[in-house]
C-alpha atoms as a PDB file:
ATOM      1  CA  UNK A   1       0.103  -0.005   0.227  1.00  0.00           C
ATOM      2  CA  UNK A   2       1.215   3.615  -1.011  1.00  0.00           C
ATOM      3  CA  UNK A   3       1.693   6.204   1.704  1.00  0.00           C
ATOM      4  CA  UNK A   4      -0.127   9.351   1.839  1.00  0.00           C
ATOM      5  CA  UNK A   5       0.655  12.316   0.466  1.00  0.00           C
ATOM      6  CA  UNK A   6       3.234  14.134   1.777  1.00  0.00           C
ATOM      7  CA  UNK A   7       0.728  17.765   2.734  1.00  0.00           C
ATOM      8  CA  UNK A   8       3.164  19.441   4.665  1.00  0.00           C
ATOM      9  CA  UNK A   9       1.889  22.858   5.181  1.00  0.00           C
ATOM     10  CA  UNK A  10      -0.269  21.881   2.481  1.00  0.00           C
ATOM     11  CA  UNK A  11      -3.695  22.878   5.040  1.00  0.00           C
ATOM     12  CA  UNK A  12      -1.976  26.234   6.179  1.00  0.00           C
ATOM     13  CA  UNK A  13      -1.342  27.290   2.994  1.00  0.00           C
ATOM     14  CA  UNK A  14      -4.776  26.770   1.657  1.00  0.00           C
ATOM     15  CA  UNK A  15      -5.995  28.792   4.591  1.00  0.00           C
ATOM     16  CA  UNK A  16      -3.515  31.349   3.670  1.00  0.00           C
ATOM     17  CA  UNK A  17      -4.974  31.354   0.298  1.00  0.00           C
ATOM     18  CA  UNK A  18      -8.578  31.962   1.585  1.00  0.00           C
ATOM     19  CA  UNK A  19      -7.666  34.760   3.154  1.00  0.00           C
ATOM     20  CA  UNK A  20      -6.590  36.386  -0.102  1.00  0.00           C
ATOM     21  CA  UNK A  21      -9.313  35.255  -1.967  1.00  0.00           C
ATOM     22  CA  UNK A  22     -11.875  36.443   0.911  1.00  0.00           C
ATOM     23  CA  UNK A  23     -10.269  39.883   0.699  1.00  0.00           C
ATOM     24  CA  UNK A  24     -10.340  39.741  -3.822  1.00  0.00           C
ATOM     25  CA  UNK A  25     -14.096  38.761  -3.266  1.00  0.00           C
ATOM     26  CA  UNK A  26     -14.942  41.610  -1.004  1.00  0.00           C
ATOM     27  CA  UNK A  27     -12.724  44.564  -3.584  1.00  0.00           C
ATOM     28  CA  UNK A  28     -14.844  42.442  -6.326  1.00  0.00           C
ATOM     29  CA  UNK A  29     -17.670  42.935  -4.368  1.00  0.00           C
ATOM     30  CA  UNK A  30     -17.699  46.029  -3.303  1.00  0.00           C
ATOM     31  CA  UNK A  31     -16.246  47.862  -6.572  1.00  0.00           C
ATOM     32  CA  UNK A  32     -19.495  46.316  -8.535  1.00  0.00           C
ATOM     33  CA  UNK A  33     -21.501  47.759  -5.787  1.00  0.00           C
ATOM     34  CA  UNK A  34     -19.851  51.463  -6.355  1.00  0.00           C
ATOM     35  CA  UNK A  35     -19.587  52.209  -9.573  1.00  0.00           C
ATOM     36  CA  UNK A  36     -23.299  51.337 -10.395  1.00  0.00           C
ATOM     37  CA  UNK A  37     -24.482  52.925  -7.258  1.00  0.00           C
ATOM     38  CA  UNK A  38     -22.025  56.297  -7.694  1.00  0.00           C
ATOM     39  CA  UNK A  39     -24.366  59.032  -8.743  1.00  0.00           C
ATOM     40  CA  UNK A  40     -21.439  61.253 -10.651  1.00  0.00           C
ATOM     41  CA  UNK A  41     -21.365  58.870 -13.326  1.00  0.00           C
ATOM     42  CA  UNK A  42     -17.660  60.284 -14.681  1.00  0.00           C
ATOM     43  CA  UNK A  43     -16.207  59.558 -10.857  1.00  0.00           C
ATOM     44  CA  UNK A  44     -17.736  56.143 -11.005  1.00  0.00           C
ATOM     45  CA  UNK A  45     -16.008  54.851 -14.357  1.00  0.00           C
ATOM     46  CA  UNK A  46     -12.694  55.807 -13.126  1.00  0.00           C
ATOM     47  CA  UNK A  47     -13.265  53.413  -9.902  1.00  0.00           C
ATOM     48  CA  UNK A  48     -14.328  50.726 -11.811  1.00  0.00           C
ATOM     49  CA  UNK A  49     -11.185  51.180 -14.094  1.00  0.00           C
ATOM     50  CA  UNK A  50      -9.215  50.970 -11.006  1.00  0.00           C
ATOM     51  CA  UNK A  51     -11.024  48.011  -9.822  1.00  0.00           C
ATOM     52  CA  UNK A  52     -10.707  46.154 -13.490  1.00  0.00           C
ATOM     53  CA  UNK A  53      -6.824  47.170 -12.776  1.00  0.00           C
ATOM     54  CA  UNK A  54      -6.807  45.894  -9.427  1.00  0.00           C
ATOM     55  CA  UNK A  55      -8.765  43.101 -10.307  1.00  0.00           C
ATOM     56  CA  UNK A  56      -6.092  41.948 -13.503  1.00  0.00           C
ATOM     57  CA  UNK A  57      -2.969  42.258 -10.823  1.00  0.00           C
ATOM     58  CA  UNK A  58      -5.348  40.874  -8.208  1.00  0.00           C
ATOM     59  CA  UNK A  59      -5.754  37.604 -10.352  1.00  0.00           C
ATOM     60  CA  UNK A  60      -2.622  37.151 -11.639  1.00  0.00           C
ATOM     61  CA  UNK A  61      -1.047  37.147  -8.174  1.00  0.00           C
ATOM     62  CA  UNK A  62      -3.277  34.646  -6.433  1.00  0.00           C
ATOM     63  CA  UNK A  63      -3.251  32.235  -9.413  1.00  0.00           C
ATOM     64  CA  UNK A  64       0.976  31.559  -8.804  1.00  0.00           C
ATOM     65  CA  UNK A  65       0.093  31.378  -5.438  1.00  0.00           C
ATOM     66  CA  UNK A  66      -2.403  28.361  -6.276  1.00  0.00           C
ATOM     67  CA  UNK A  67       0.439  27.041  -8.740  1.00  0.00           C
ATOM     68  CA  UNK A  68       2.867  27.410  -6.336  1.00  0.00           C
ATOM     69  CA  UNK A  69       0.234  25.120  -4.028  1.00  0.00           C
ATOM     70  CA  UNK A  70       0.919  22.651  -6.405  1.00  0.00           C
ATOM     71  CA  UNK A  71       3.554  22.643  -6.838  1.00  0.00           C
ATOM     72  CA  UNK A  72       5.130  22.383  -3.232  1.00  0.00           C
ATOM     73  CA  UNK A  73       2.844  19.723  -2.280  1.00  0.00           C
ATOM     74  CA  UNK A  74       1.541  16.891  -2.725  1.00  0.00           C
ATOM     75  CA  UNK A  75      -1.689  17.606  -2.655  1.00  0.00           C
ATOM     76  CA  UNK A  76      -5.084  14.739  -3.066  1.00  0.00           C
ATOM     77  CA  UNK A  77      -7.675  13.852  -5.767  1.00  0.00           C
ATOM     78  CA  UNK A  78      -9.866  16.537  -3.566  1.00  0.00           C
ATOM     79  CA  UNK A  79      -7.821  19.291  -3.288  1.00  0.00           C
ATOM     80  CA  UNK A  80      -6.739  19.373  -6.890  1.00  0.00           C
ATOM     81  CA  UNK A  81     -10.456  20.300  -6.935  1.00  0.00           C
ATOM     82  CA  UNK A  82     -10.581  22.764  -4.727  1.00  0.00           C
ATOM     83  CA  UNK A  83      -7.216  24.227  -6.221  1.00  0.00           C
ATOM     84  CA  UNK A  84      -8.523  23.786 -10.383  1.00  0.00           C
ATOM     85  CA  UNK A  85     -12.303  25.694  -8.479  1.00  0.00           C
ATOM     86  CA  UNK A  86     -10.447  28.599  -6.961  1.00  0.00           C
ATOM     87  CA  UNK A  87      -8.114  28.933 -10.519  1.00  0.00           C
ATOM     88  CA  UNK A  88     -11.380  29.236 -12.153  1.00  0.00           C
ATOM     89  CA  UNK A  89     -13.013  31.701  -9.597  1.00  0.00           C
ATOM     90  CA  UNK A  90      -9.737  34.376 -10.287  1.00  0.00           C
ATOM     91  CA  UNK A  91     -11.446  34.179 -14.007  1.00  0.00           C
ATOM     92  CA  UNK A  92     -14.451  34.758 -12.300  1.00  0.00           C
ATOM     93  CA  UNK A  93     -13.854  37.492 -10.329  1.00  0.00           C
ATOM     94  CA  UNK A  94     -11.754  39.326 -13.154  1.00  0.00           C
ATOM     95  CA  UNK A  95     -14.853  38.953 -15.305  1.00  0.00           C
ATOM     96  CA  UNK A  96     -17.264  41.152 -13.024  1.00  0.00           C
ATOM     97  CA  UNK A  97     -14.337  43.551 -12.786  1.00  0.00           C
ATOM     98  CA  UNK A  98     -14.595  43.860 -16.304  1.00  0.00           C
ATOM     99  CA  UNK A  99     -18.181  44.366 -16.303  1.00  0.00           C
ATOM    100  CA  UNK A 100     -18.183  46.548 -13.817  1.00  0.00           C
ATOM    101  CA  UNK A 101     -16.262  48.755 -15.720  1.00  0.00           C
ATOM    102  CA  UNK A 102     -19.271  48.411 -19.180  1.00  0.00           C
ATOM    103  CA  UNK A 103     -21.802  49.085 -16.494  1.00  0.00           C
ATOM    104  CA  UNK A 104     -20.916  52.244 -15.634  1.00  0.00           C
ATOM    105  CA  UNK A 105     -19.650  52.825 -19.125  1.00  0.00           C
ATOM    106  CA  UNK A 106     -22.952  52.501 -20.278  1.00  0.00           C
ATOM    107  CA  UNK A 107     -24.516  54.700 -17.537  1.00  0.00           C
ATOM    108  CA  UNK A 108     -21.750  56.968 -18.160  1.00  0.00           C
ATOM    109  CA  UNK A 109     -23.284  57.789 -21.216  1.00  0.00           C
ATOM    110  CA  UNK A 110     -26.638  57.648 -20.338  1.00  0.00           C
ATOM    111  CA  UNK A 111     -25.885  60.306 -17.806  1.00  0.00           C
ATOM    112  CA  UNK A 112     -24.825  62.985 -21.083  1.00  0.00           C
ATOM    113  CA  UNK A 113     -28.248  61.531 -22.459  1.00  0.00           C
ATOM    114  CA  UNK A 114     -30.133  62.379 -19.491  1.00  0.00           C
ATOM    115  CA  UNK A 115     -28.663  66.186 -19.916  1.00  0.00           C
ATOM    116  CA  UNK A 116     -30.287  66.379 -23.192  1.00  0.00           C
ATOM    117  CA  UNK A 117     -33.697  65.529 -21.687  1.00  0.00           C
ATOM    118  CA  UNK A 118     -33.199  61.589 -22.549  1.00  0.00           C
ATOM    119  CA  UNK A 119     -35.725  59.821 -20.047  1.00  0.00           C
ATOM    120  CA  UNK A 120     -34.987  56.651 -17.928  1.00  0.00           C
ATOM    121  CA  UNK A 121     -37.926  54.249 -18.019  1.00  0.00           C
ATOM    122  CA  UNK A 122     -38.703  54.351 -14.189  1.00  0.00           C
ATOM    123  CA  UNK A 123     -39.642  49.934 -14.690  1.00  0.00           C
ATOM    124  CA  UNK A 124     -36.543  49.408 -16.543  1.00  0.00           C
ATOM    125  CA  UNK A 125     -34.590  51.871 -14.073  1.00  0.00           C
ATOM    126  CA  UNK A 126     -36.121  49.280 -11.053  1.00  0.00           C
ATOM    127  CA  UNK A 127     -35.571  45.858 -12.431  1.00  0.00           C
ATOM    128  CA  UNK A 128     -31.632  47.148 -13.337  1.00  0.00           C
ATOM    129  CA  UNK A 129     -31.360  47.094  -9.795  1.00  0.00           C
ATOM    130  CA  UNK A 130     -33.148  44.485  -9.173  1.00  0.00           C
ATOM    131  CA  UNK A 131     -30.706  42.496 -11.598  1.00  0.00           C
ATOM    132  CA  UNK A 132     -27.799  44.224  -9.689  1.00  0.00           C
ATOM    133  CA  UNK A 133     -28.889  42.856  -6.000  1.00  0.00           C
ATOM    134  CA  UNK A 134     -29.363  39.488  -7.101  1.00  0.00           C
ATOM    135  CA  UNK A 135     -25.738  39.729  -8.842  1.00  0.00           C
ATOM    136  CA  UNK A 136     -24.614  40.506  -5.070  1.00  0.00           C
ATOM    137  CA  UNK A 137     -26.153  38.408  -3.094  1.00  0.00           C
ATOM    138  CA  UNK A 138     -25.110  35.235  -5.474  1.00  0.00           C
ATOM    139  CA  UNK A 139     -21.287  36.749  -5.403  1.00  0.00           C
ATOM    140  CA  UNK A 140     -21.910  36.759  -1.429  1.00  0.00           C
ATOM    141  CA  UNK A 141     -22.592  33.269  -1.490  1.00  0.00           C
ATOM    142  CA  UNK A 142     -20.153  32.078  -3.431  1.00  0.00           C
ATOM    143  CA  UNK A 143     -17.608  34.019  -1.466  1.00  0.00           C
ATOM    144  CA  UNK A 144     -19.567  31.686   1.363  1.00  0.00           C
ATOM    145  CA  UNK A 145     -18.285  28.911   0.120  1.00  0.00           C
ATOM    146  CA  UNK A 146     -14.748  29.423  -1.418  1.00  0.00           C
ATOM    147  CA  UNK A 147     -13.568  31.638   2.108  1.00  0.00           C
ATOM    148  CA  UNK A 148     -15.320  29.025   4.419  1.00  0.00           C
ATOM    149  CA  UNK A 149     -15.997  26.289   2.758  1.00  0.00           C
ATOM    150  CA  UNK A 150     -19.520  26.462   2.586  1.00  0.00           C
ATOM    151  CA  UNK A 151     -22.268  23.815   0.719  1.00  0.00           C
ATOM    152  CA  UNK A 152     -23.628  25.537  -2.792  1.00  0.00           C
ATOM    153  CA  UNK A 153     -27.188  26.823  -1.215  1.00  0.00           C
ATOM    154  CA  UNK A 154     -28.522  25.180  -4.049  1.00  0.00           C
ATOM    155  CA  UNK A 155     -32.601  27.048  -3.668  1.00  0.00           C
ATOM    156  CA  UNK A 156     -30.839  30.061  -2.660  1.00  0.00           C
ATOM    157  CA  UNK A 157     -29.032  30.763  -6.001  1.00  0.00           C
ATOM    158  CA  UNK A 158     -31.644  28.904  -8.597  1.00  0.00           C
ATOM    159  CA  UNK A 159     -35.175  31.793  -7.396  1.00  0.00           C
ATOM    160  CA  UNK A 160     -31.813  34.481  -7.509  1.00  0.00           C
ATOM    161  CA  UNK A 161     -31.235  32.563 -10.774  1.00  0.00           C
ATOM    162  CA  UNK A 162     -34.542  32.731 -11.954  1.00  0.00           C
ATOM    163  CA  UNK A 163     -35.251  36.094 -10.953  1.00  0.00           C
ATOM    164  CA  UNK A 164     -32.691  37.855 -13.232  1.00  0.00           C
ATOM    165  CA  UNK A 165     -33.069  36.227 -15.956  1.00  0.00           C
ATOM    166  CA  UNK A 166     -36.508  37.000 -15.814  1.00  0.00           C
ATOM    167  CA  UNK A 167     -36.188  40.875 -14.940  1.00  0.00           C
ATOM    168  CA  UNK A 168     -33.639  40.084 -18.119  1.00  0.00           C
ATOM    169  CA  UNK A 169     -36.523  39.075 -20.262  1.00  0.00           C
ATOM    170  CA  UNK A 170     -38.583  41.494 -19.217  1.00  0.00           C
ATOM    171  CA  UNK A 171     -36.443  44.308 -19.581  1.00  0.00           C
ATOM    172  CA  UNK A 172     -35.593  43.474 -23.344  1.00  0.00           C
ATOM    173  CA  UNK A 173     -39.283  43.130 -23.850  1.00  0.00           C
ATOM    174  CA  UNK A 174     -39.982  46.799 -22.437  1.00  0.00           C
ATOM    175  CA  UNK A 175     -37.499  47.791 -23.978  1.00  0.00           C
ATOM    176  CA  UNK A 176     -38.618  46.871 -27.358  1.00  0.00           C
ATOM    177  CA  UNK A 177     -42.172  48.422 -26.363  1.00  0.00           C
ATOM    178  CA  UNK A 178     -40.955  51.859 -25.463  1.00  0.00           C
ATOM    179  CA  UNK A 179     -40.687  54.650 -28.151  1.00  0.00           C
ATOM    180  CA  UNK A 180     -37.844  56.528 -29.425  1.00  0.00           C
ATOM    181  CA  UNK A 181     -38.274  59.833 -27.725  1.00  0.00           C
ATOM    182  CA  UNK A 182     -38.631  57.431 -24.016  1.00  0.00           C
ATOM    183  CA  UNK A 183     -35.687  56.023 -24.577  1.00  0.00           C
ATOM    184  CA  UNK A 184     -33.158  58.073 -26.064  1.00  0.00           C
ATOM    185  CA  UNK A 185     -33.812  56.352 -29.944  1.00  0.00           C
ATOM    186  CA  UNK A 186     -31.389  53.363 -31.008  1.00  0.00           C
ATOM    187  CA  UNK A 187     -28.393  54.544 -29.796  1.00  0.00           C
ATOM    188  CA  UNK A 188     -29.968  54.423 -26.058  1.00  0.00           C
ATOM    189  CA  UNK A 189     -31.654  51.646 -26.068  1.00  0.00           C
ATOM    190  CA  UNK A 190     -28.209  49.900 -26.605  1.00  0.00           C
ATOM    191  CA  UNK A 191     -26.598  51.128 -23.682  1.00  0.00           C
ATOM    192  CA  UNK A 192     -29.434  49.704 -21.494  1.00  0.00           C
ATOM    193  CA  UNK A 193     -29.857  46.368 -22.897  1.00  0.00           C
ATOM    194  CA  UNK A 194     -25.758  46.209 -22.700  1.00  0.00           C
ATOM    195  CA  UNK A 195     -26.790  47.394 -18.719  1.00  0.00           C
ATOM    196  CA  UNK A 196     -29.044  44.130 -18.241  1.00  0.00           C
ATOM    197  CA  UNK A 197     -26.567  42.386 -20.462  1.00  0.00           C
ATOM    198  CA  UNK A 198     -23.385  42.176 -18.786  1.00  0.00           C
ATOM    199  CA  UNK A 199     -25.865  41.914 -15.441  1.00  0.00           C
ATOM    200  CA  UNK A 200     -27.510  38.579 -16.724  1.00  0.00           C
ATOM    201  CA  UNK A 201     -23.544  37.315 -18.083  1.00  0.00           C
ATOM    202  CA  UNK A 202     -22.470  38.183 -14.197  1.00  0.00           C
ATOM    203  CA  UNK A 203     -25.008  35.898 -12.923  1.00  0.00           C
ATOM    204  CA  UNK A 204     -24.219  32.982 -15.791  1.00  0.00           C
ATOM    205  CA  UNK A 205     -20.725  33.186 -14.848  1.00  0.00           C
ATOM    206  CA  UNK A 206     -21.661  32.912 -11.024  1.00  0.00           C
ATOM    207  CA  UNK A 207     -23.888  30.159 -11.922  1.00  0.00           C
ATOM    208  CA  UNK A 208     -21.400  28.132 -13.564  1.00  0.00           C
ATOM    209  CA  UNK A 209     -18.984  28.448 -10.764  1.00  0.00           C
ATOM    210  CA  UNK A 210     -21.073  27.733  -8.432  1.00  0.00           C
ATOM    211  CA  UNK A 211     -20.685  24.332 -10.202  1.00  0.00           C
ATOM    212  CA  UNK A 212     -16.961  24.133 -10.098  1.00  0.00           C
ATOM    213  CA  UNK A 213     -17.745  24.019  -6.404  1.00  0.00           C
ATOM    214  CA  UNK A 214     -20.278  21.690  -5.905  1.00  0.00           C
ATOM    215  CA  UNK A 215     -18.175  19.526  -8.025  1.00  0.00           C
ATOM    216  CA  UNK A 216     -14.712  20.626  -5.882  1.00  0.00           C
ATOM    217  CA  UNK A 217     -16.640  19.135  -2.797  1.00  0.00           C
ATOM    218  CA  UNK A 218     -18.354  15.881  -4.140  1.00  0.00           C
ATOM    219  CA  UNK A 219     -16.990  15.036  -6.946  1.00  0.00           C
ATOM    220  CA  UNK A 220     -20.087  15.424  -9.155  1.00  0.00           C
ATOM    221  CA  UNK A 221     -21.376  17.784 -12.110  1.00  0.00           C
ATOM    222  CA  UNK A 222     -24.712  19.473 -11.540  1.00  0.00           C
ATOM    223  CA  UNK A 223     -25.267  22.569 -14.271  1.00  0.00           C
ATOM    224  CA  UNK A 224     -27.664  24.733 -11.323  1.00  0.00           C
ATOM    225  CA  UNK A 225     -27.460  27.121 -14.340  1.00  0.00           C
ATOM    226  CA  UNK A 226     -29.770  24.299 -16.189  1.00  0.00           C
ATOM    227  CA  UNK A 227     -31.829  23.604 -13.281  1.00  0.00           C
ATOM    228  CA  UNK A 228     -32.646  26.778 -12.696  1.00  0.00           C
ATOM    229  CA  UNK A 229     -34.131  27.232 -16.237  1.00  0.00           C
ATOM    230  CA  UNK A 230     -36.261  23.565 -15.829  1.00  0.00           C
ATOM    231  CA  UNK A 231     -37.598  25.475 -13.090  1.00  0.00           C
END
């Protein structure tokens, strides 16, 4: 019978990395929040550019640290799944930072149109706010999984993803029904579609991340995003 793998300092290293990932999750969560809610759209866009740059640097640094774990230790298959899922989470967090930048840019452009009398439809605005809140909660739940090693809260993530998808579909339908004068013409509608699409993509990417974390913990593949559509 072969000896067990050497785990010298592996648990300690992973604990340190979880702390680093916690700060990364927090940075993206705070940035995704502030760049959306900041009243000054120019300030929000500048913050989103800084978030995008910081997220890219942090993702690269953490990726190197995770790969170092593989080279210095002999992790079990369960450890390898966690490392693989963690590496994927870095890509998702960096992607959310890009989404935040795109949203901030679209909202800044919309603010310029508002100065010319463009009207932001209240129903669409409320829908986008709802999607944004859904994404933030999904992000916090993912943080609990990767940092606190919690199991995927399946029922809640399905509710949130279904909510985000429903509002996304309703937003696109509402934009088709709006007259050009109400939403600043085709260009204005495209800005609103961009915001809605980035929020929808953020939710989708987080759902795929839950797939990976569940696989890391259980060694079973479940497509939660598909389950949400089935409901």
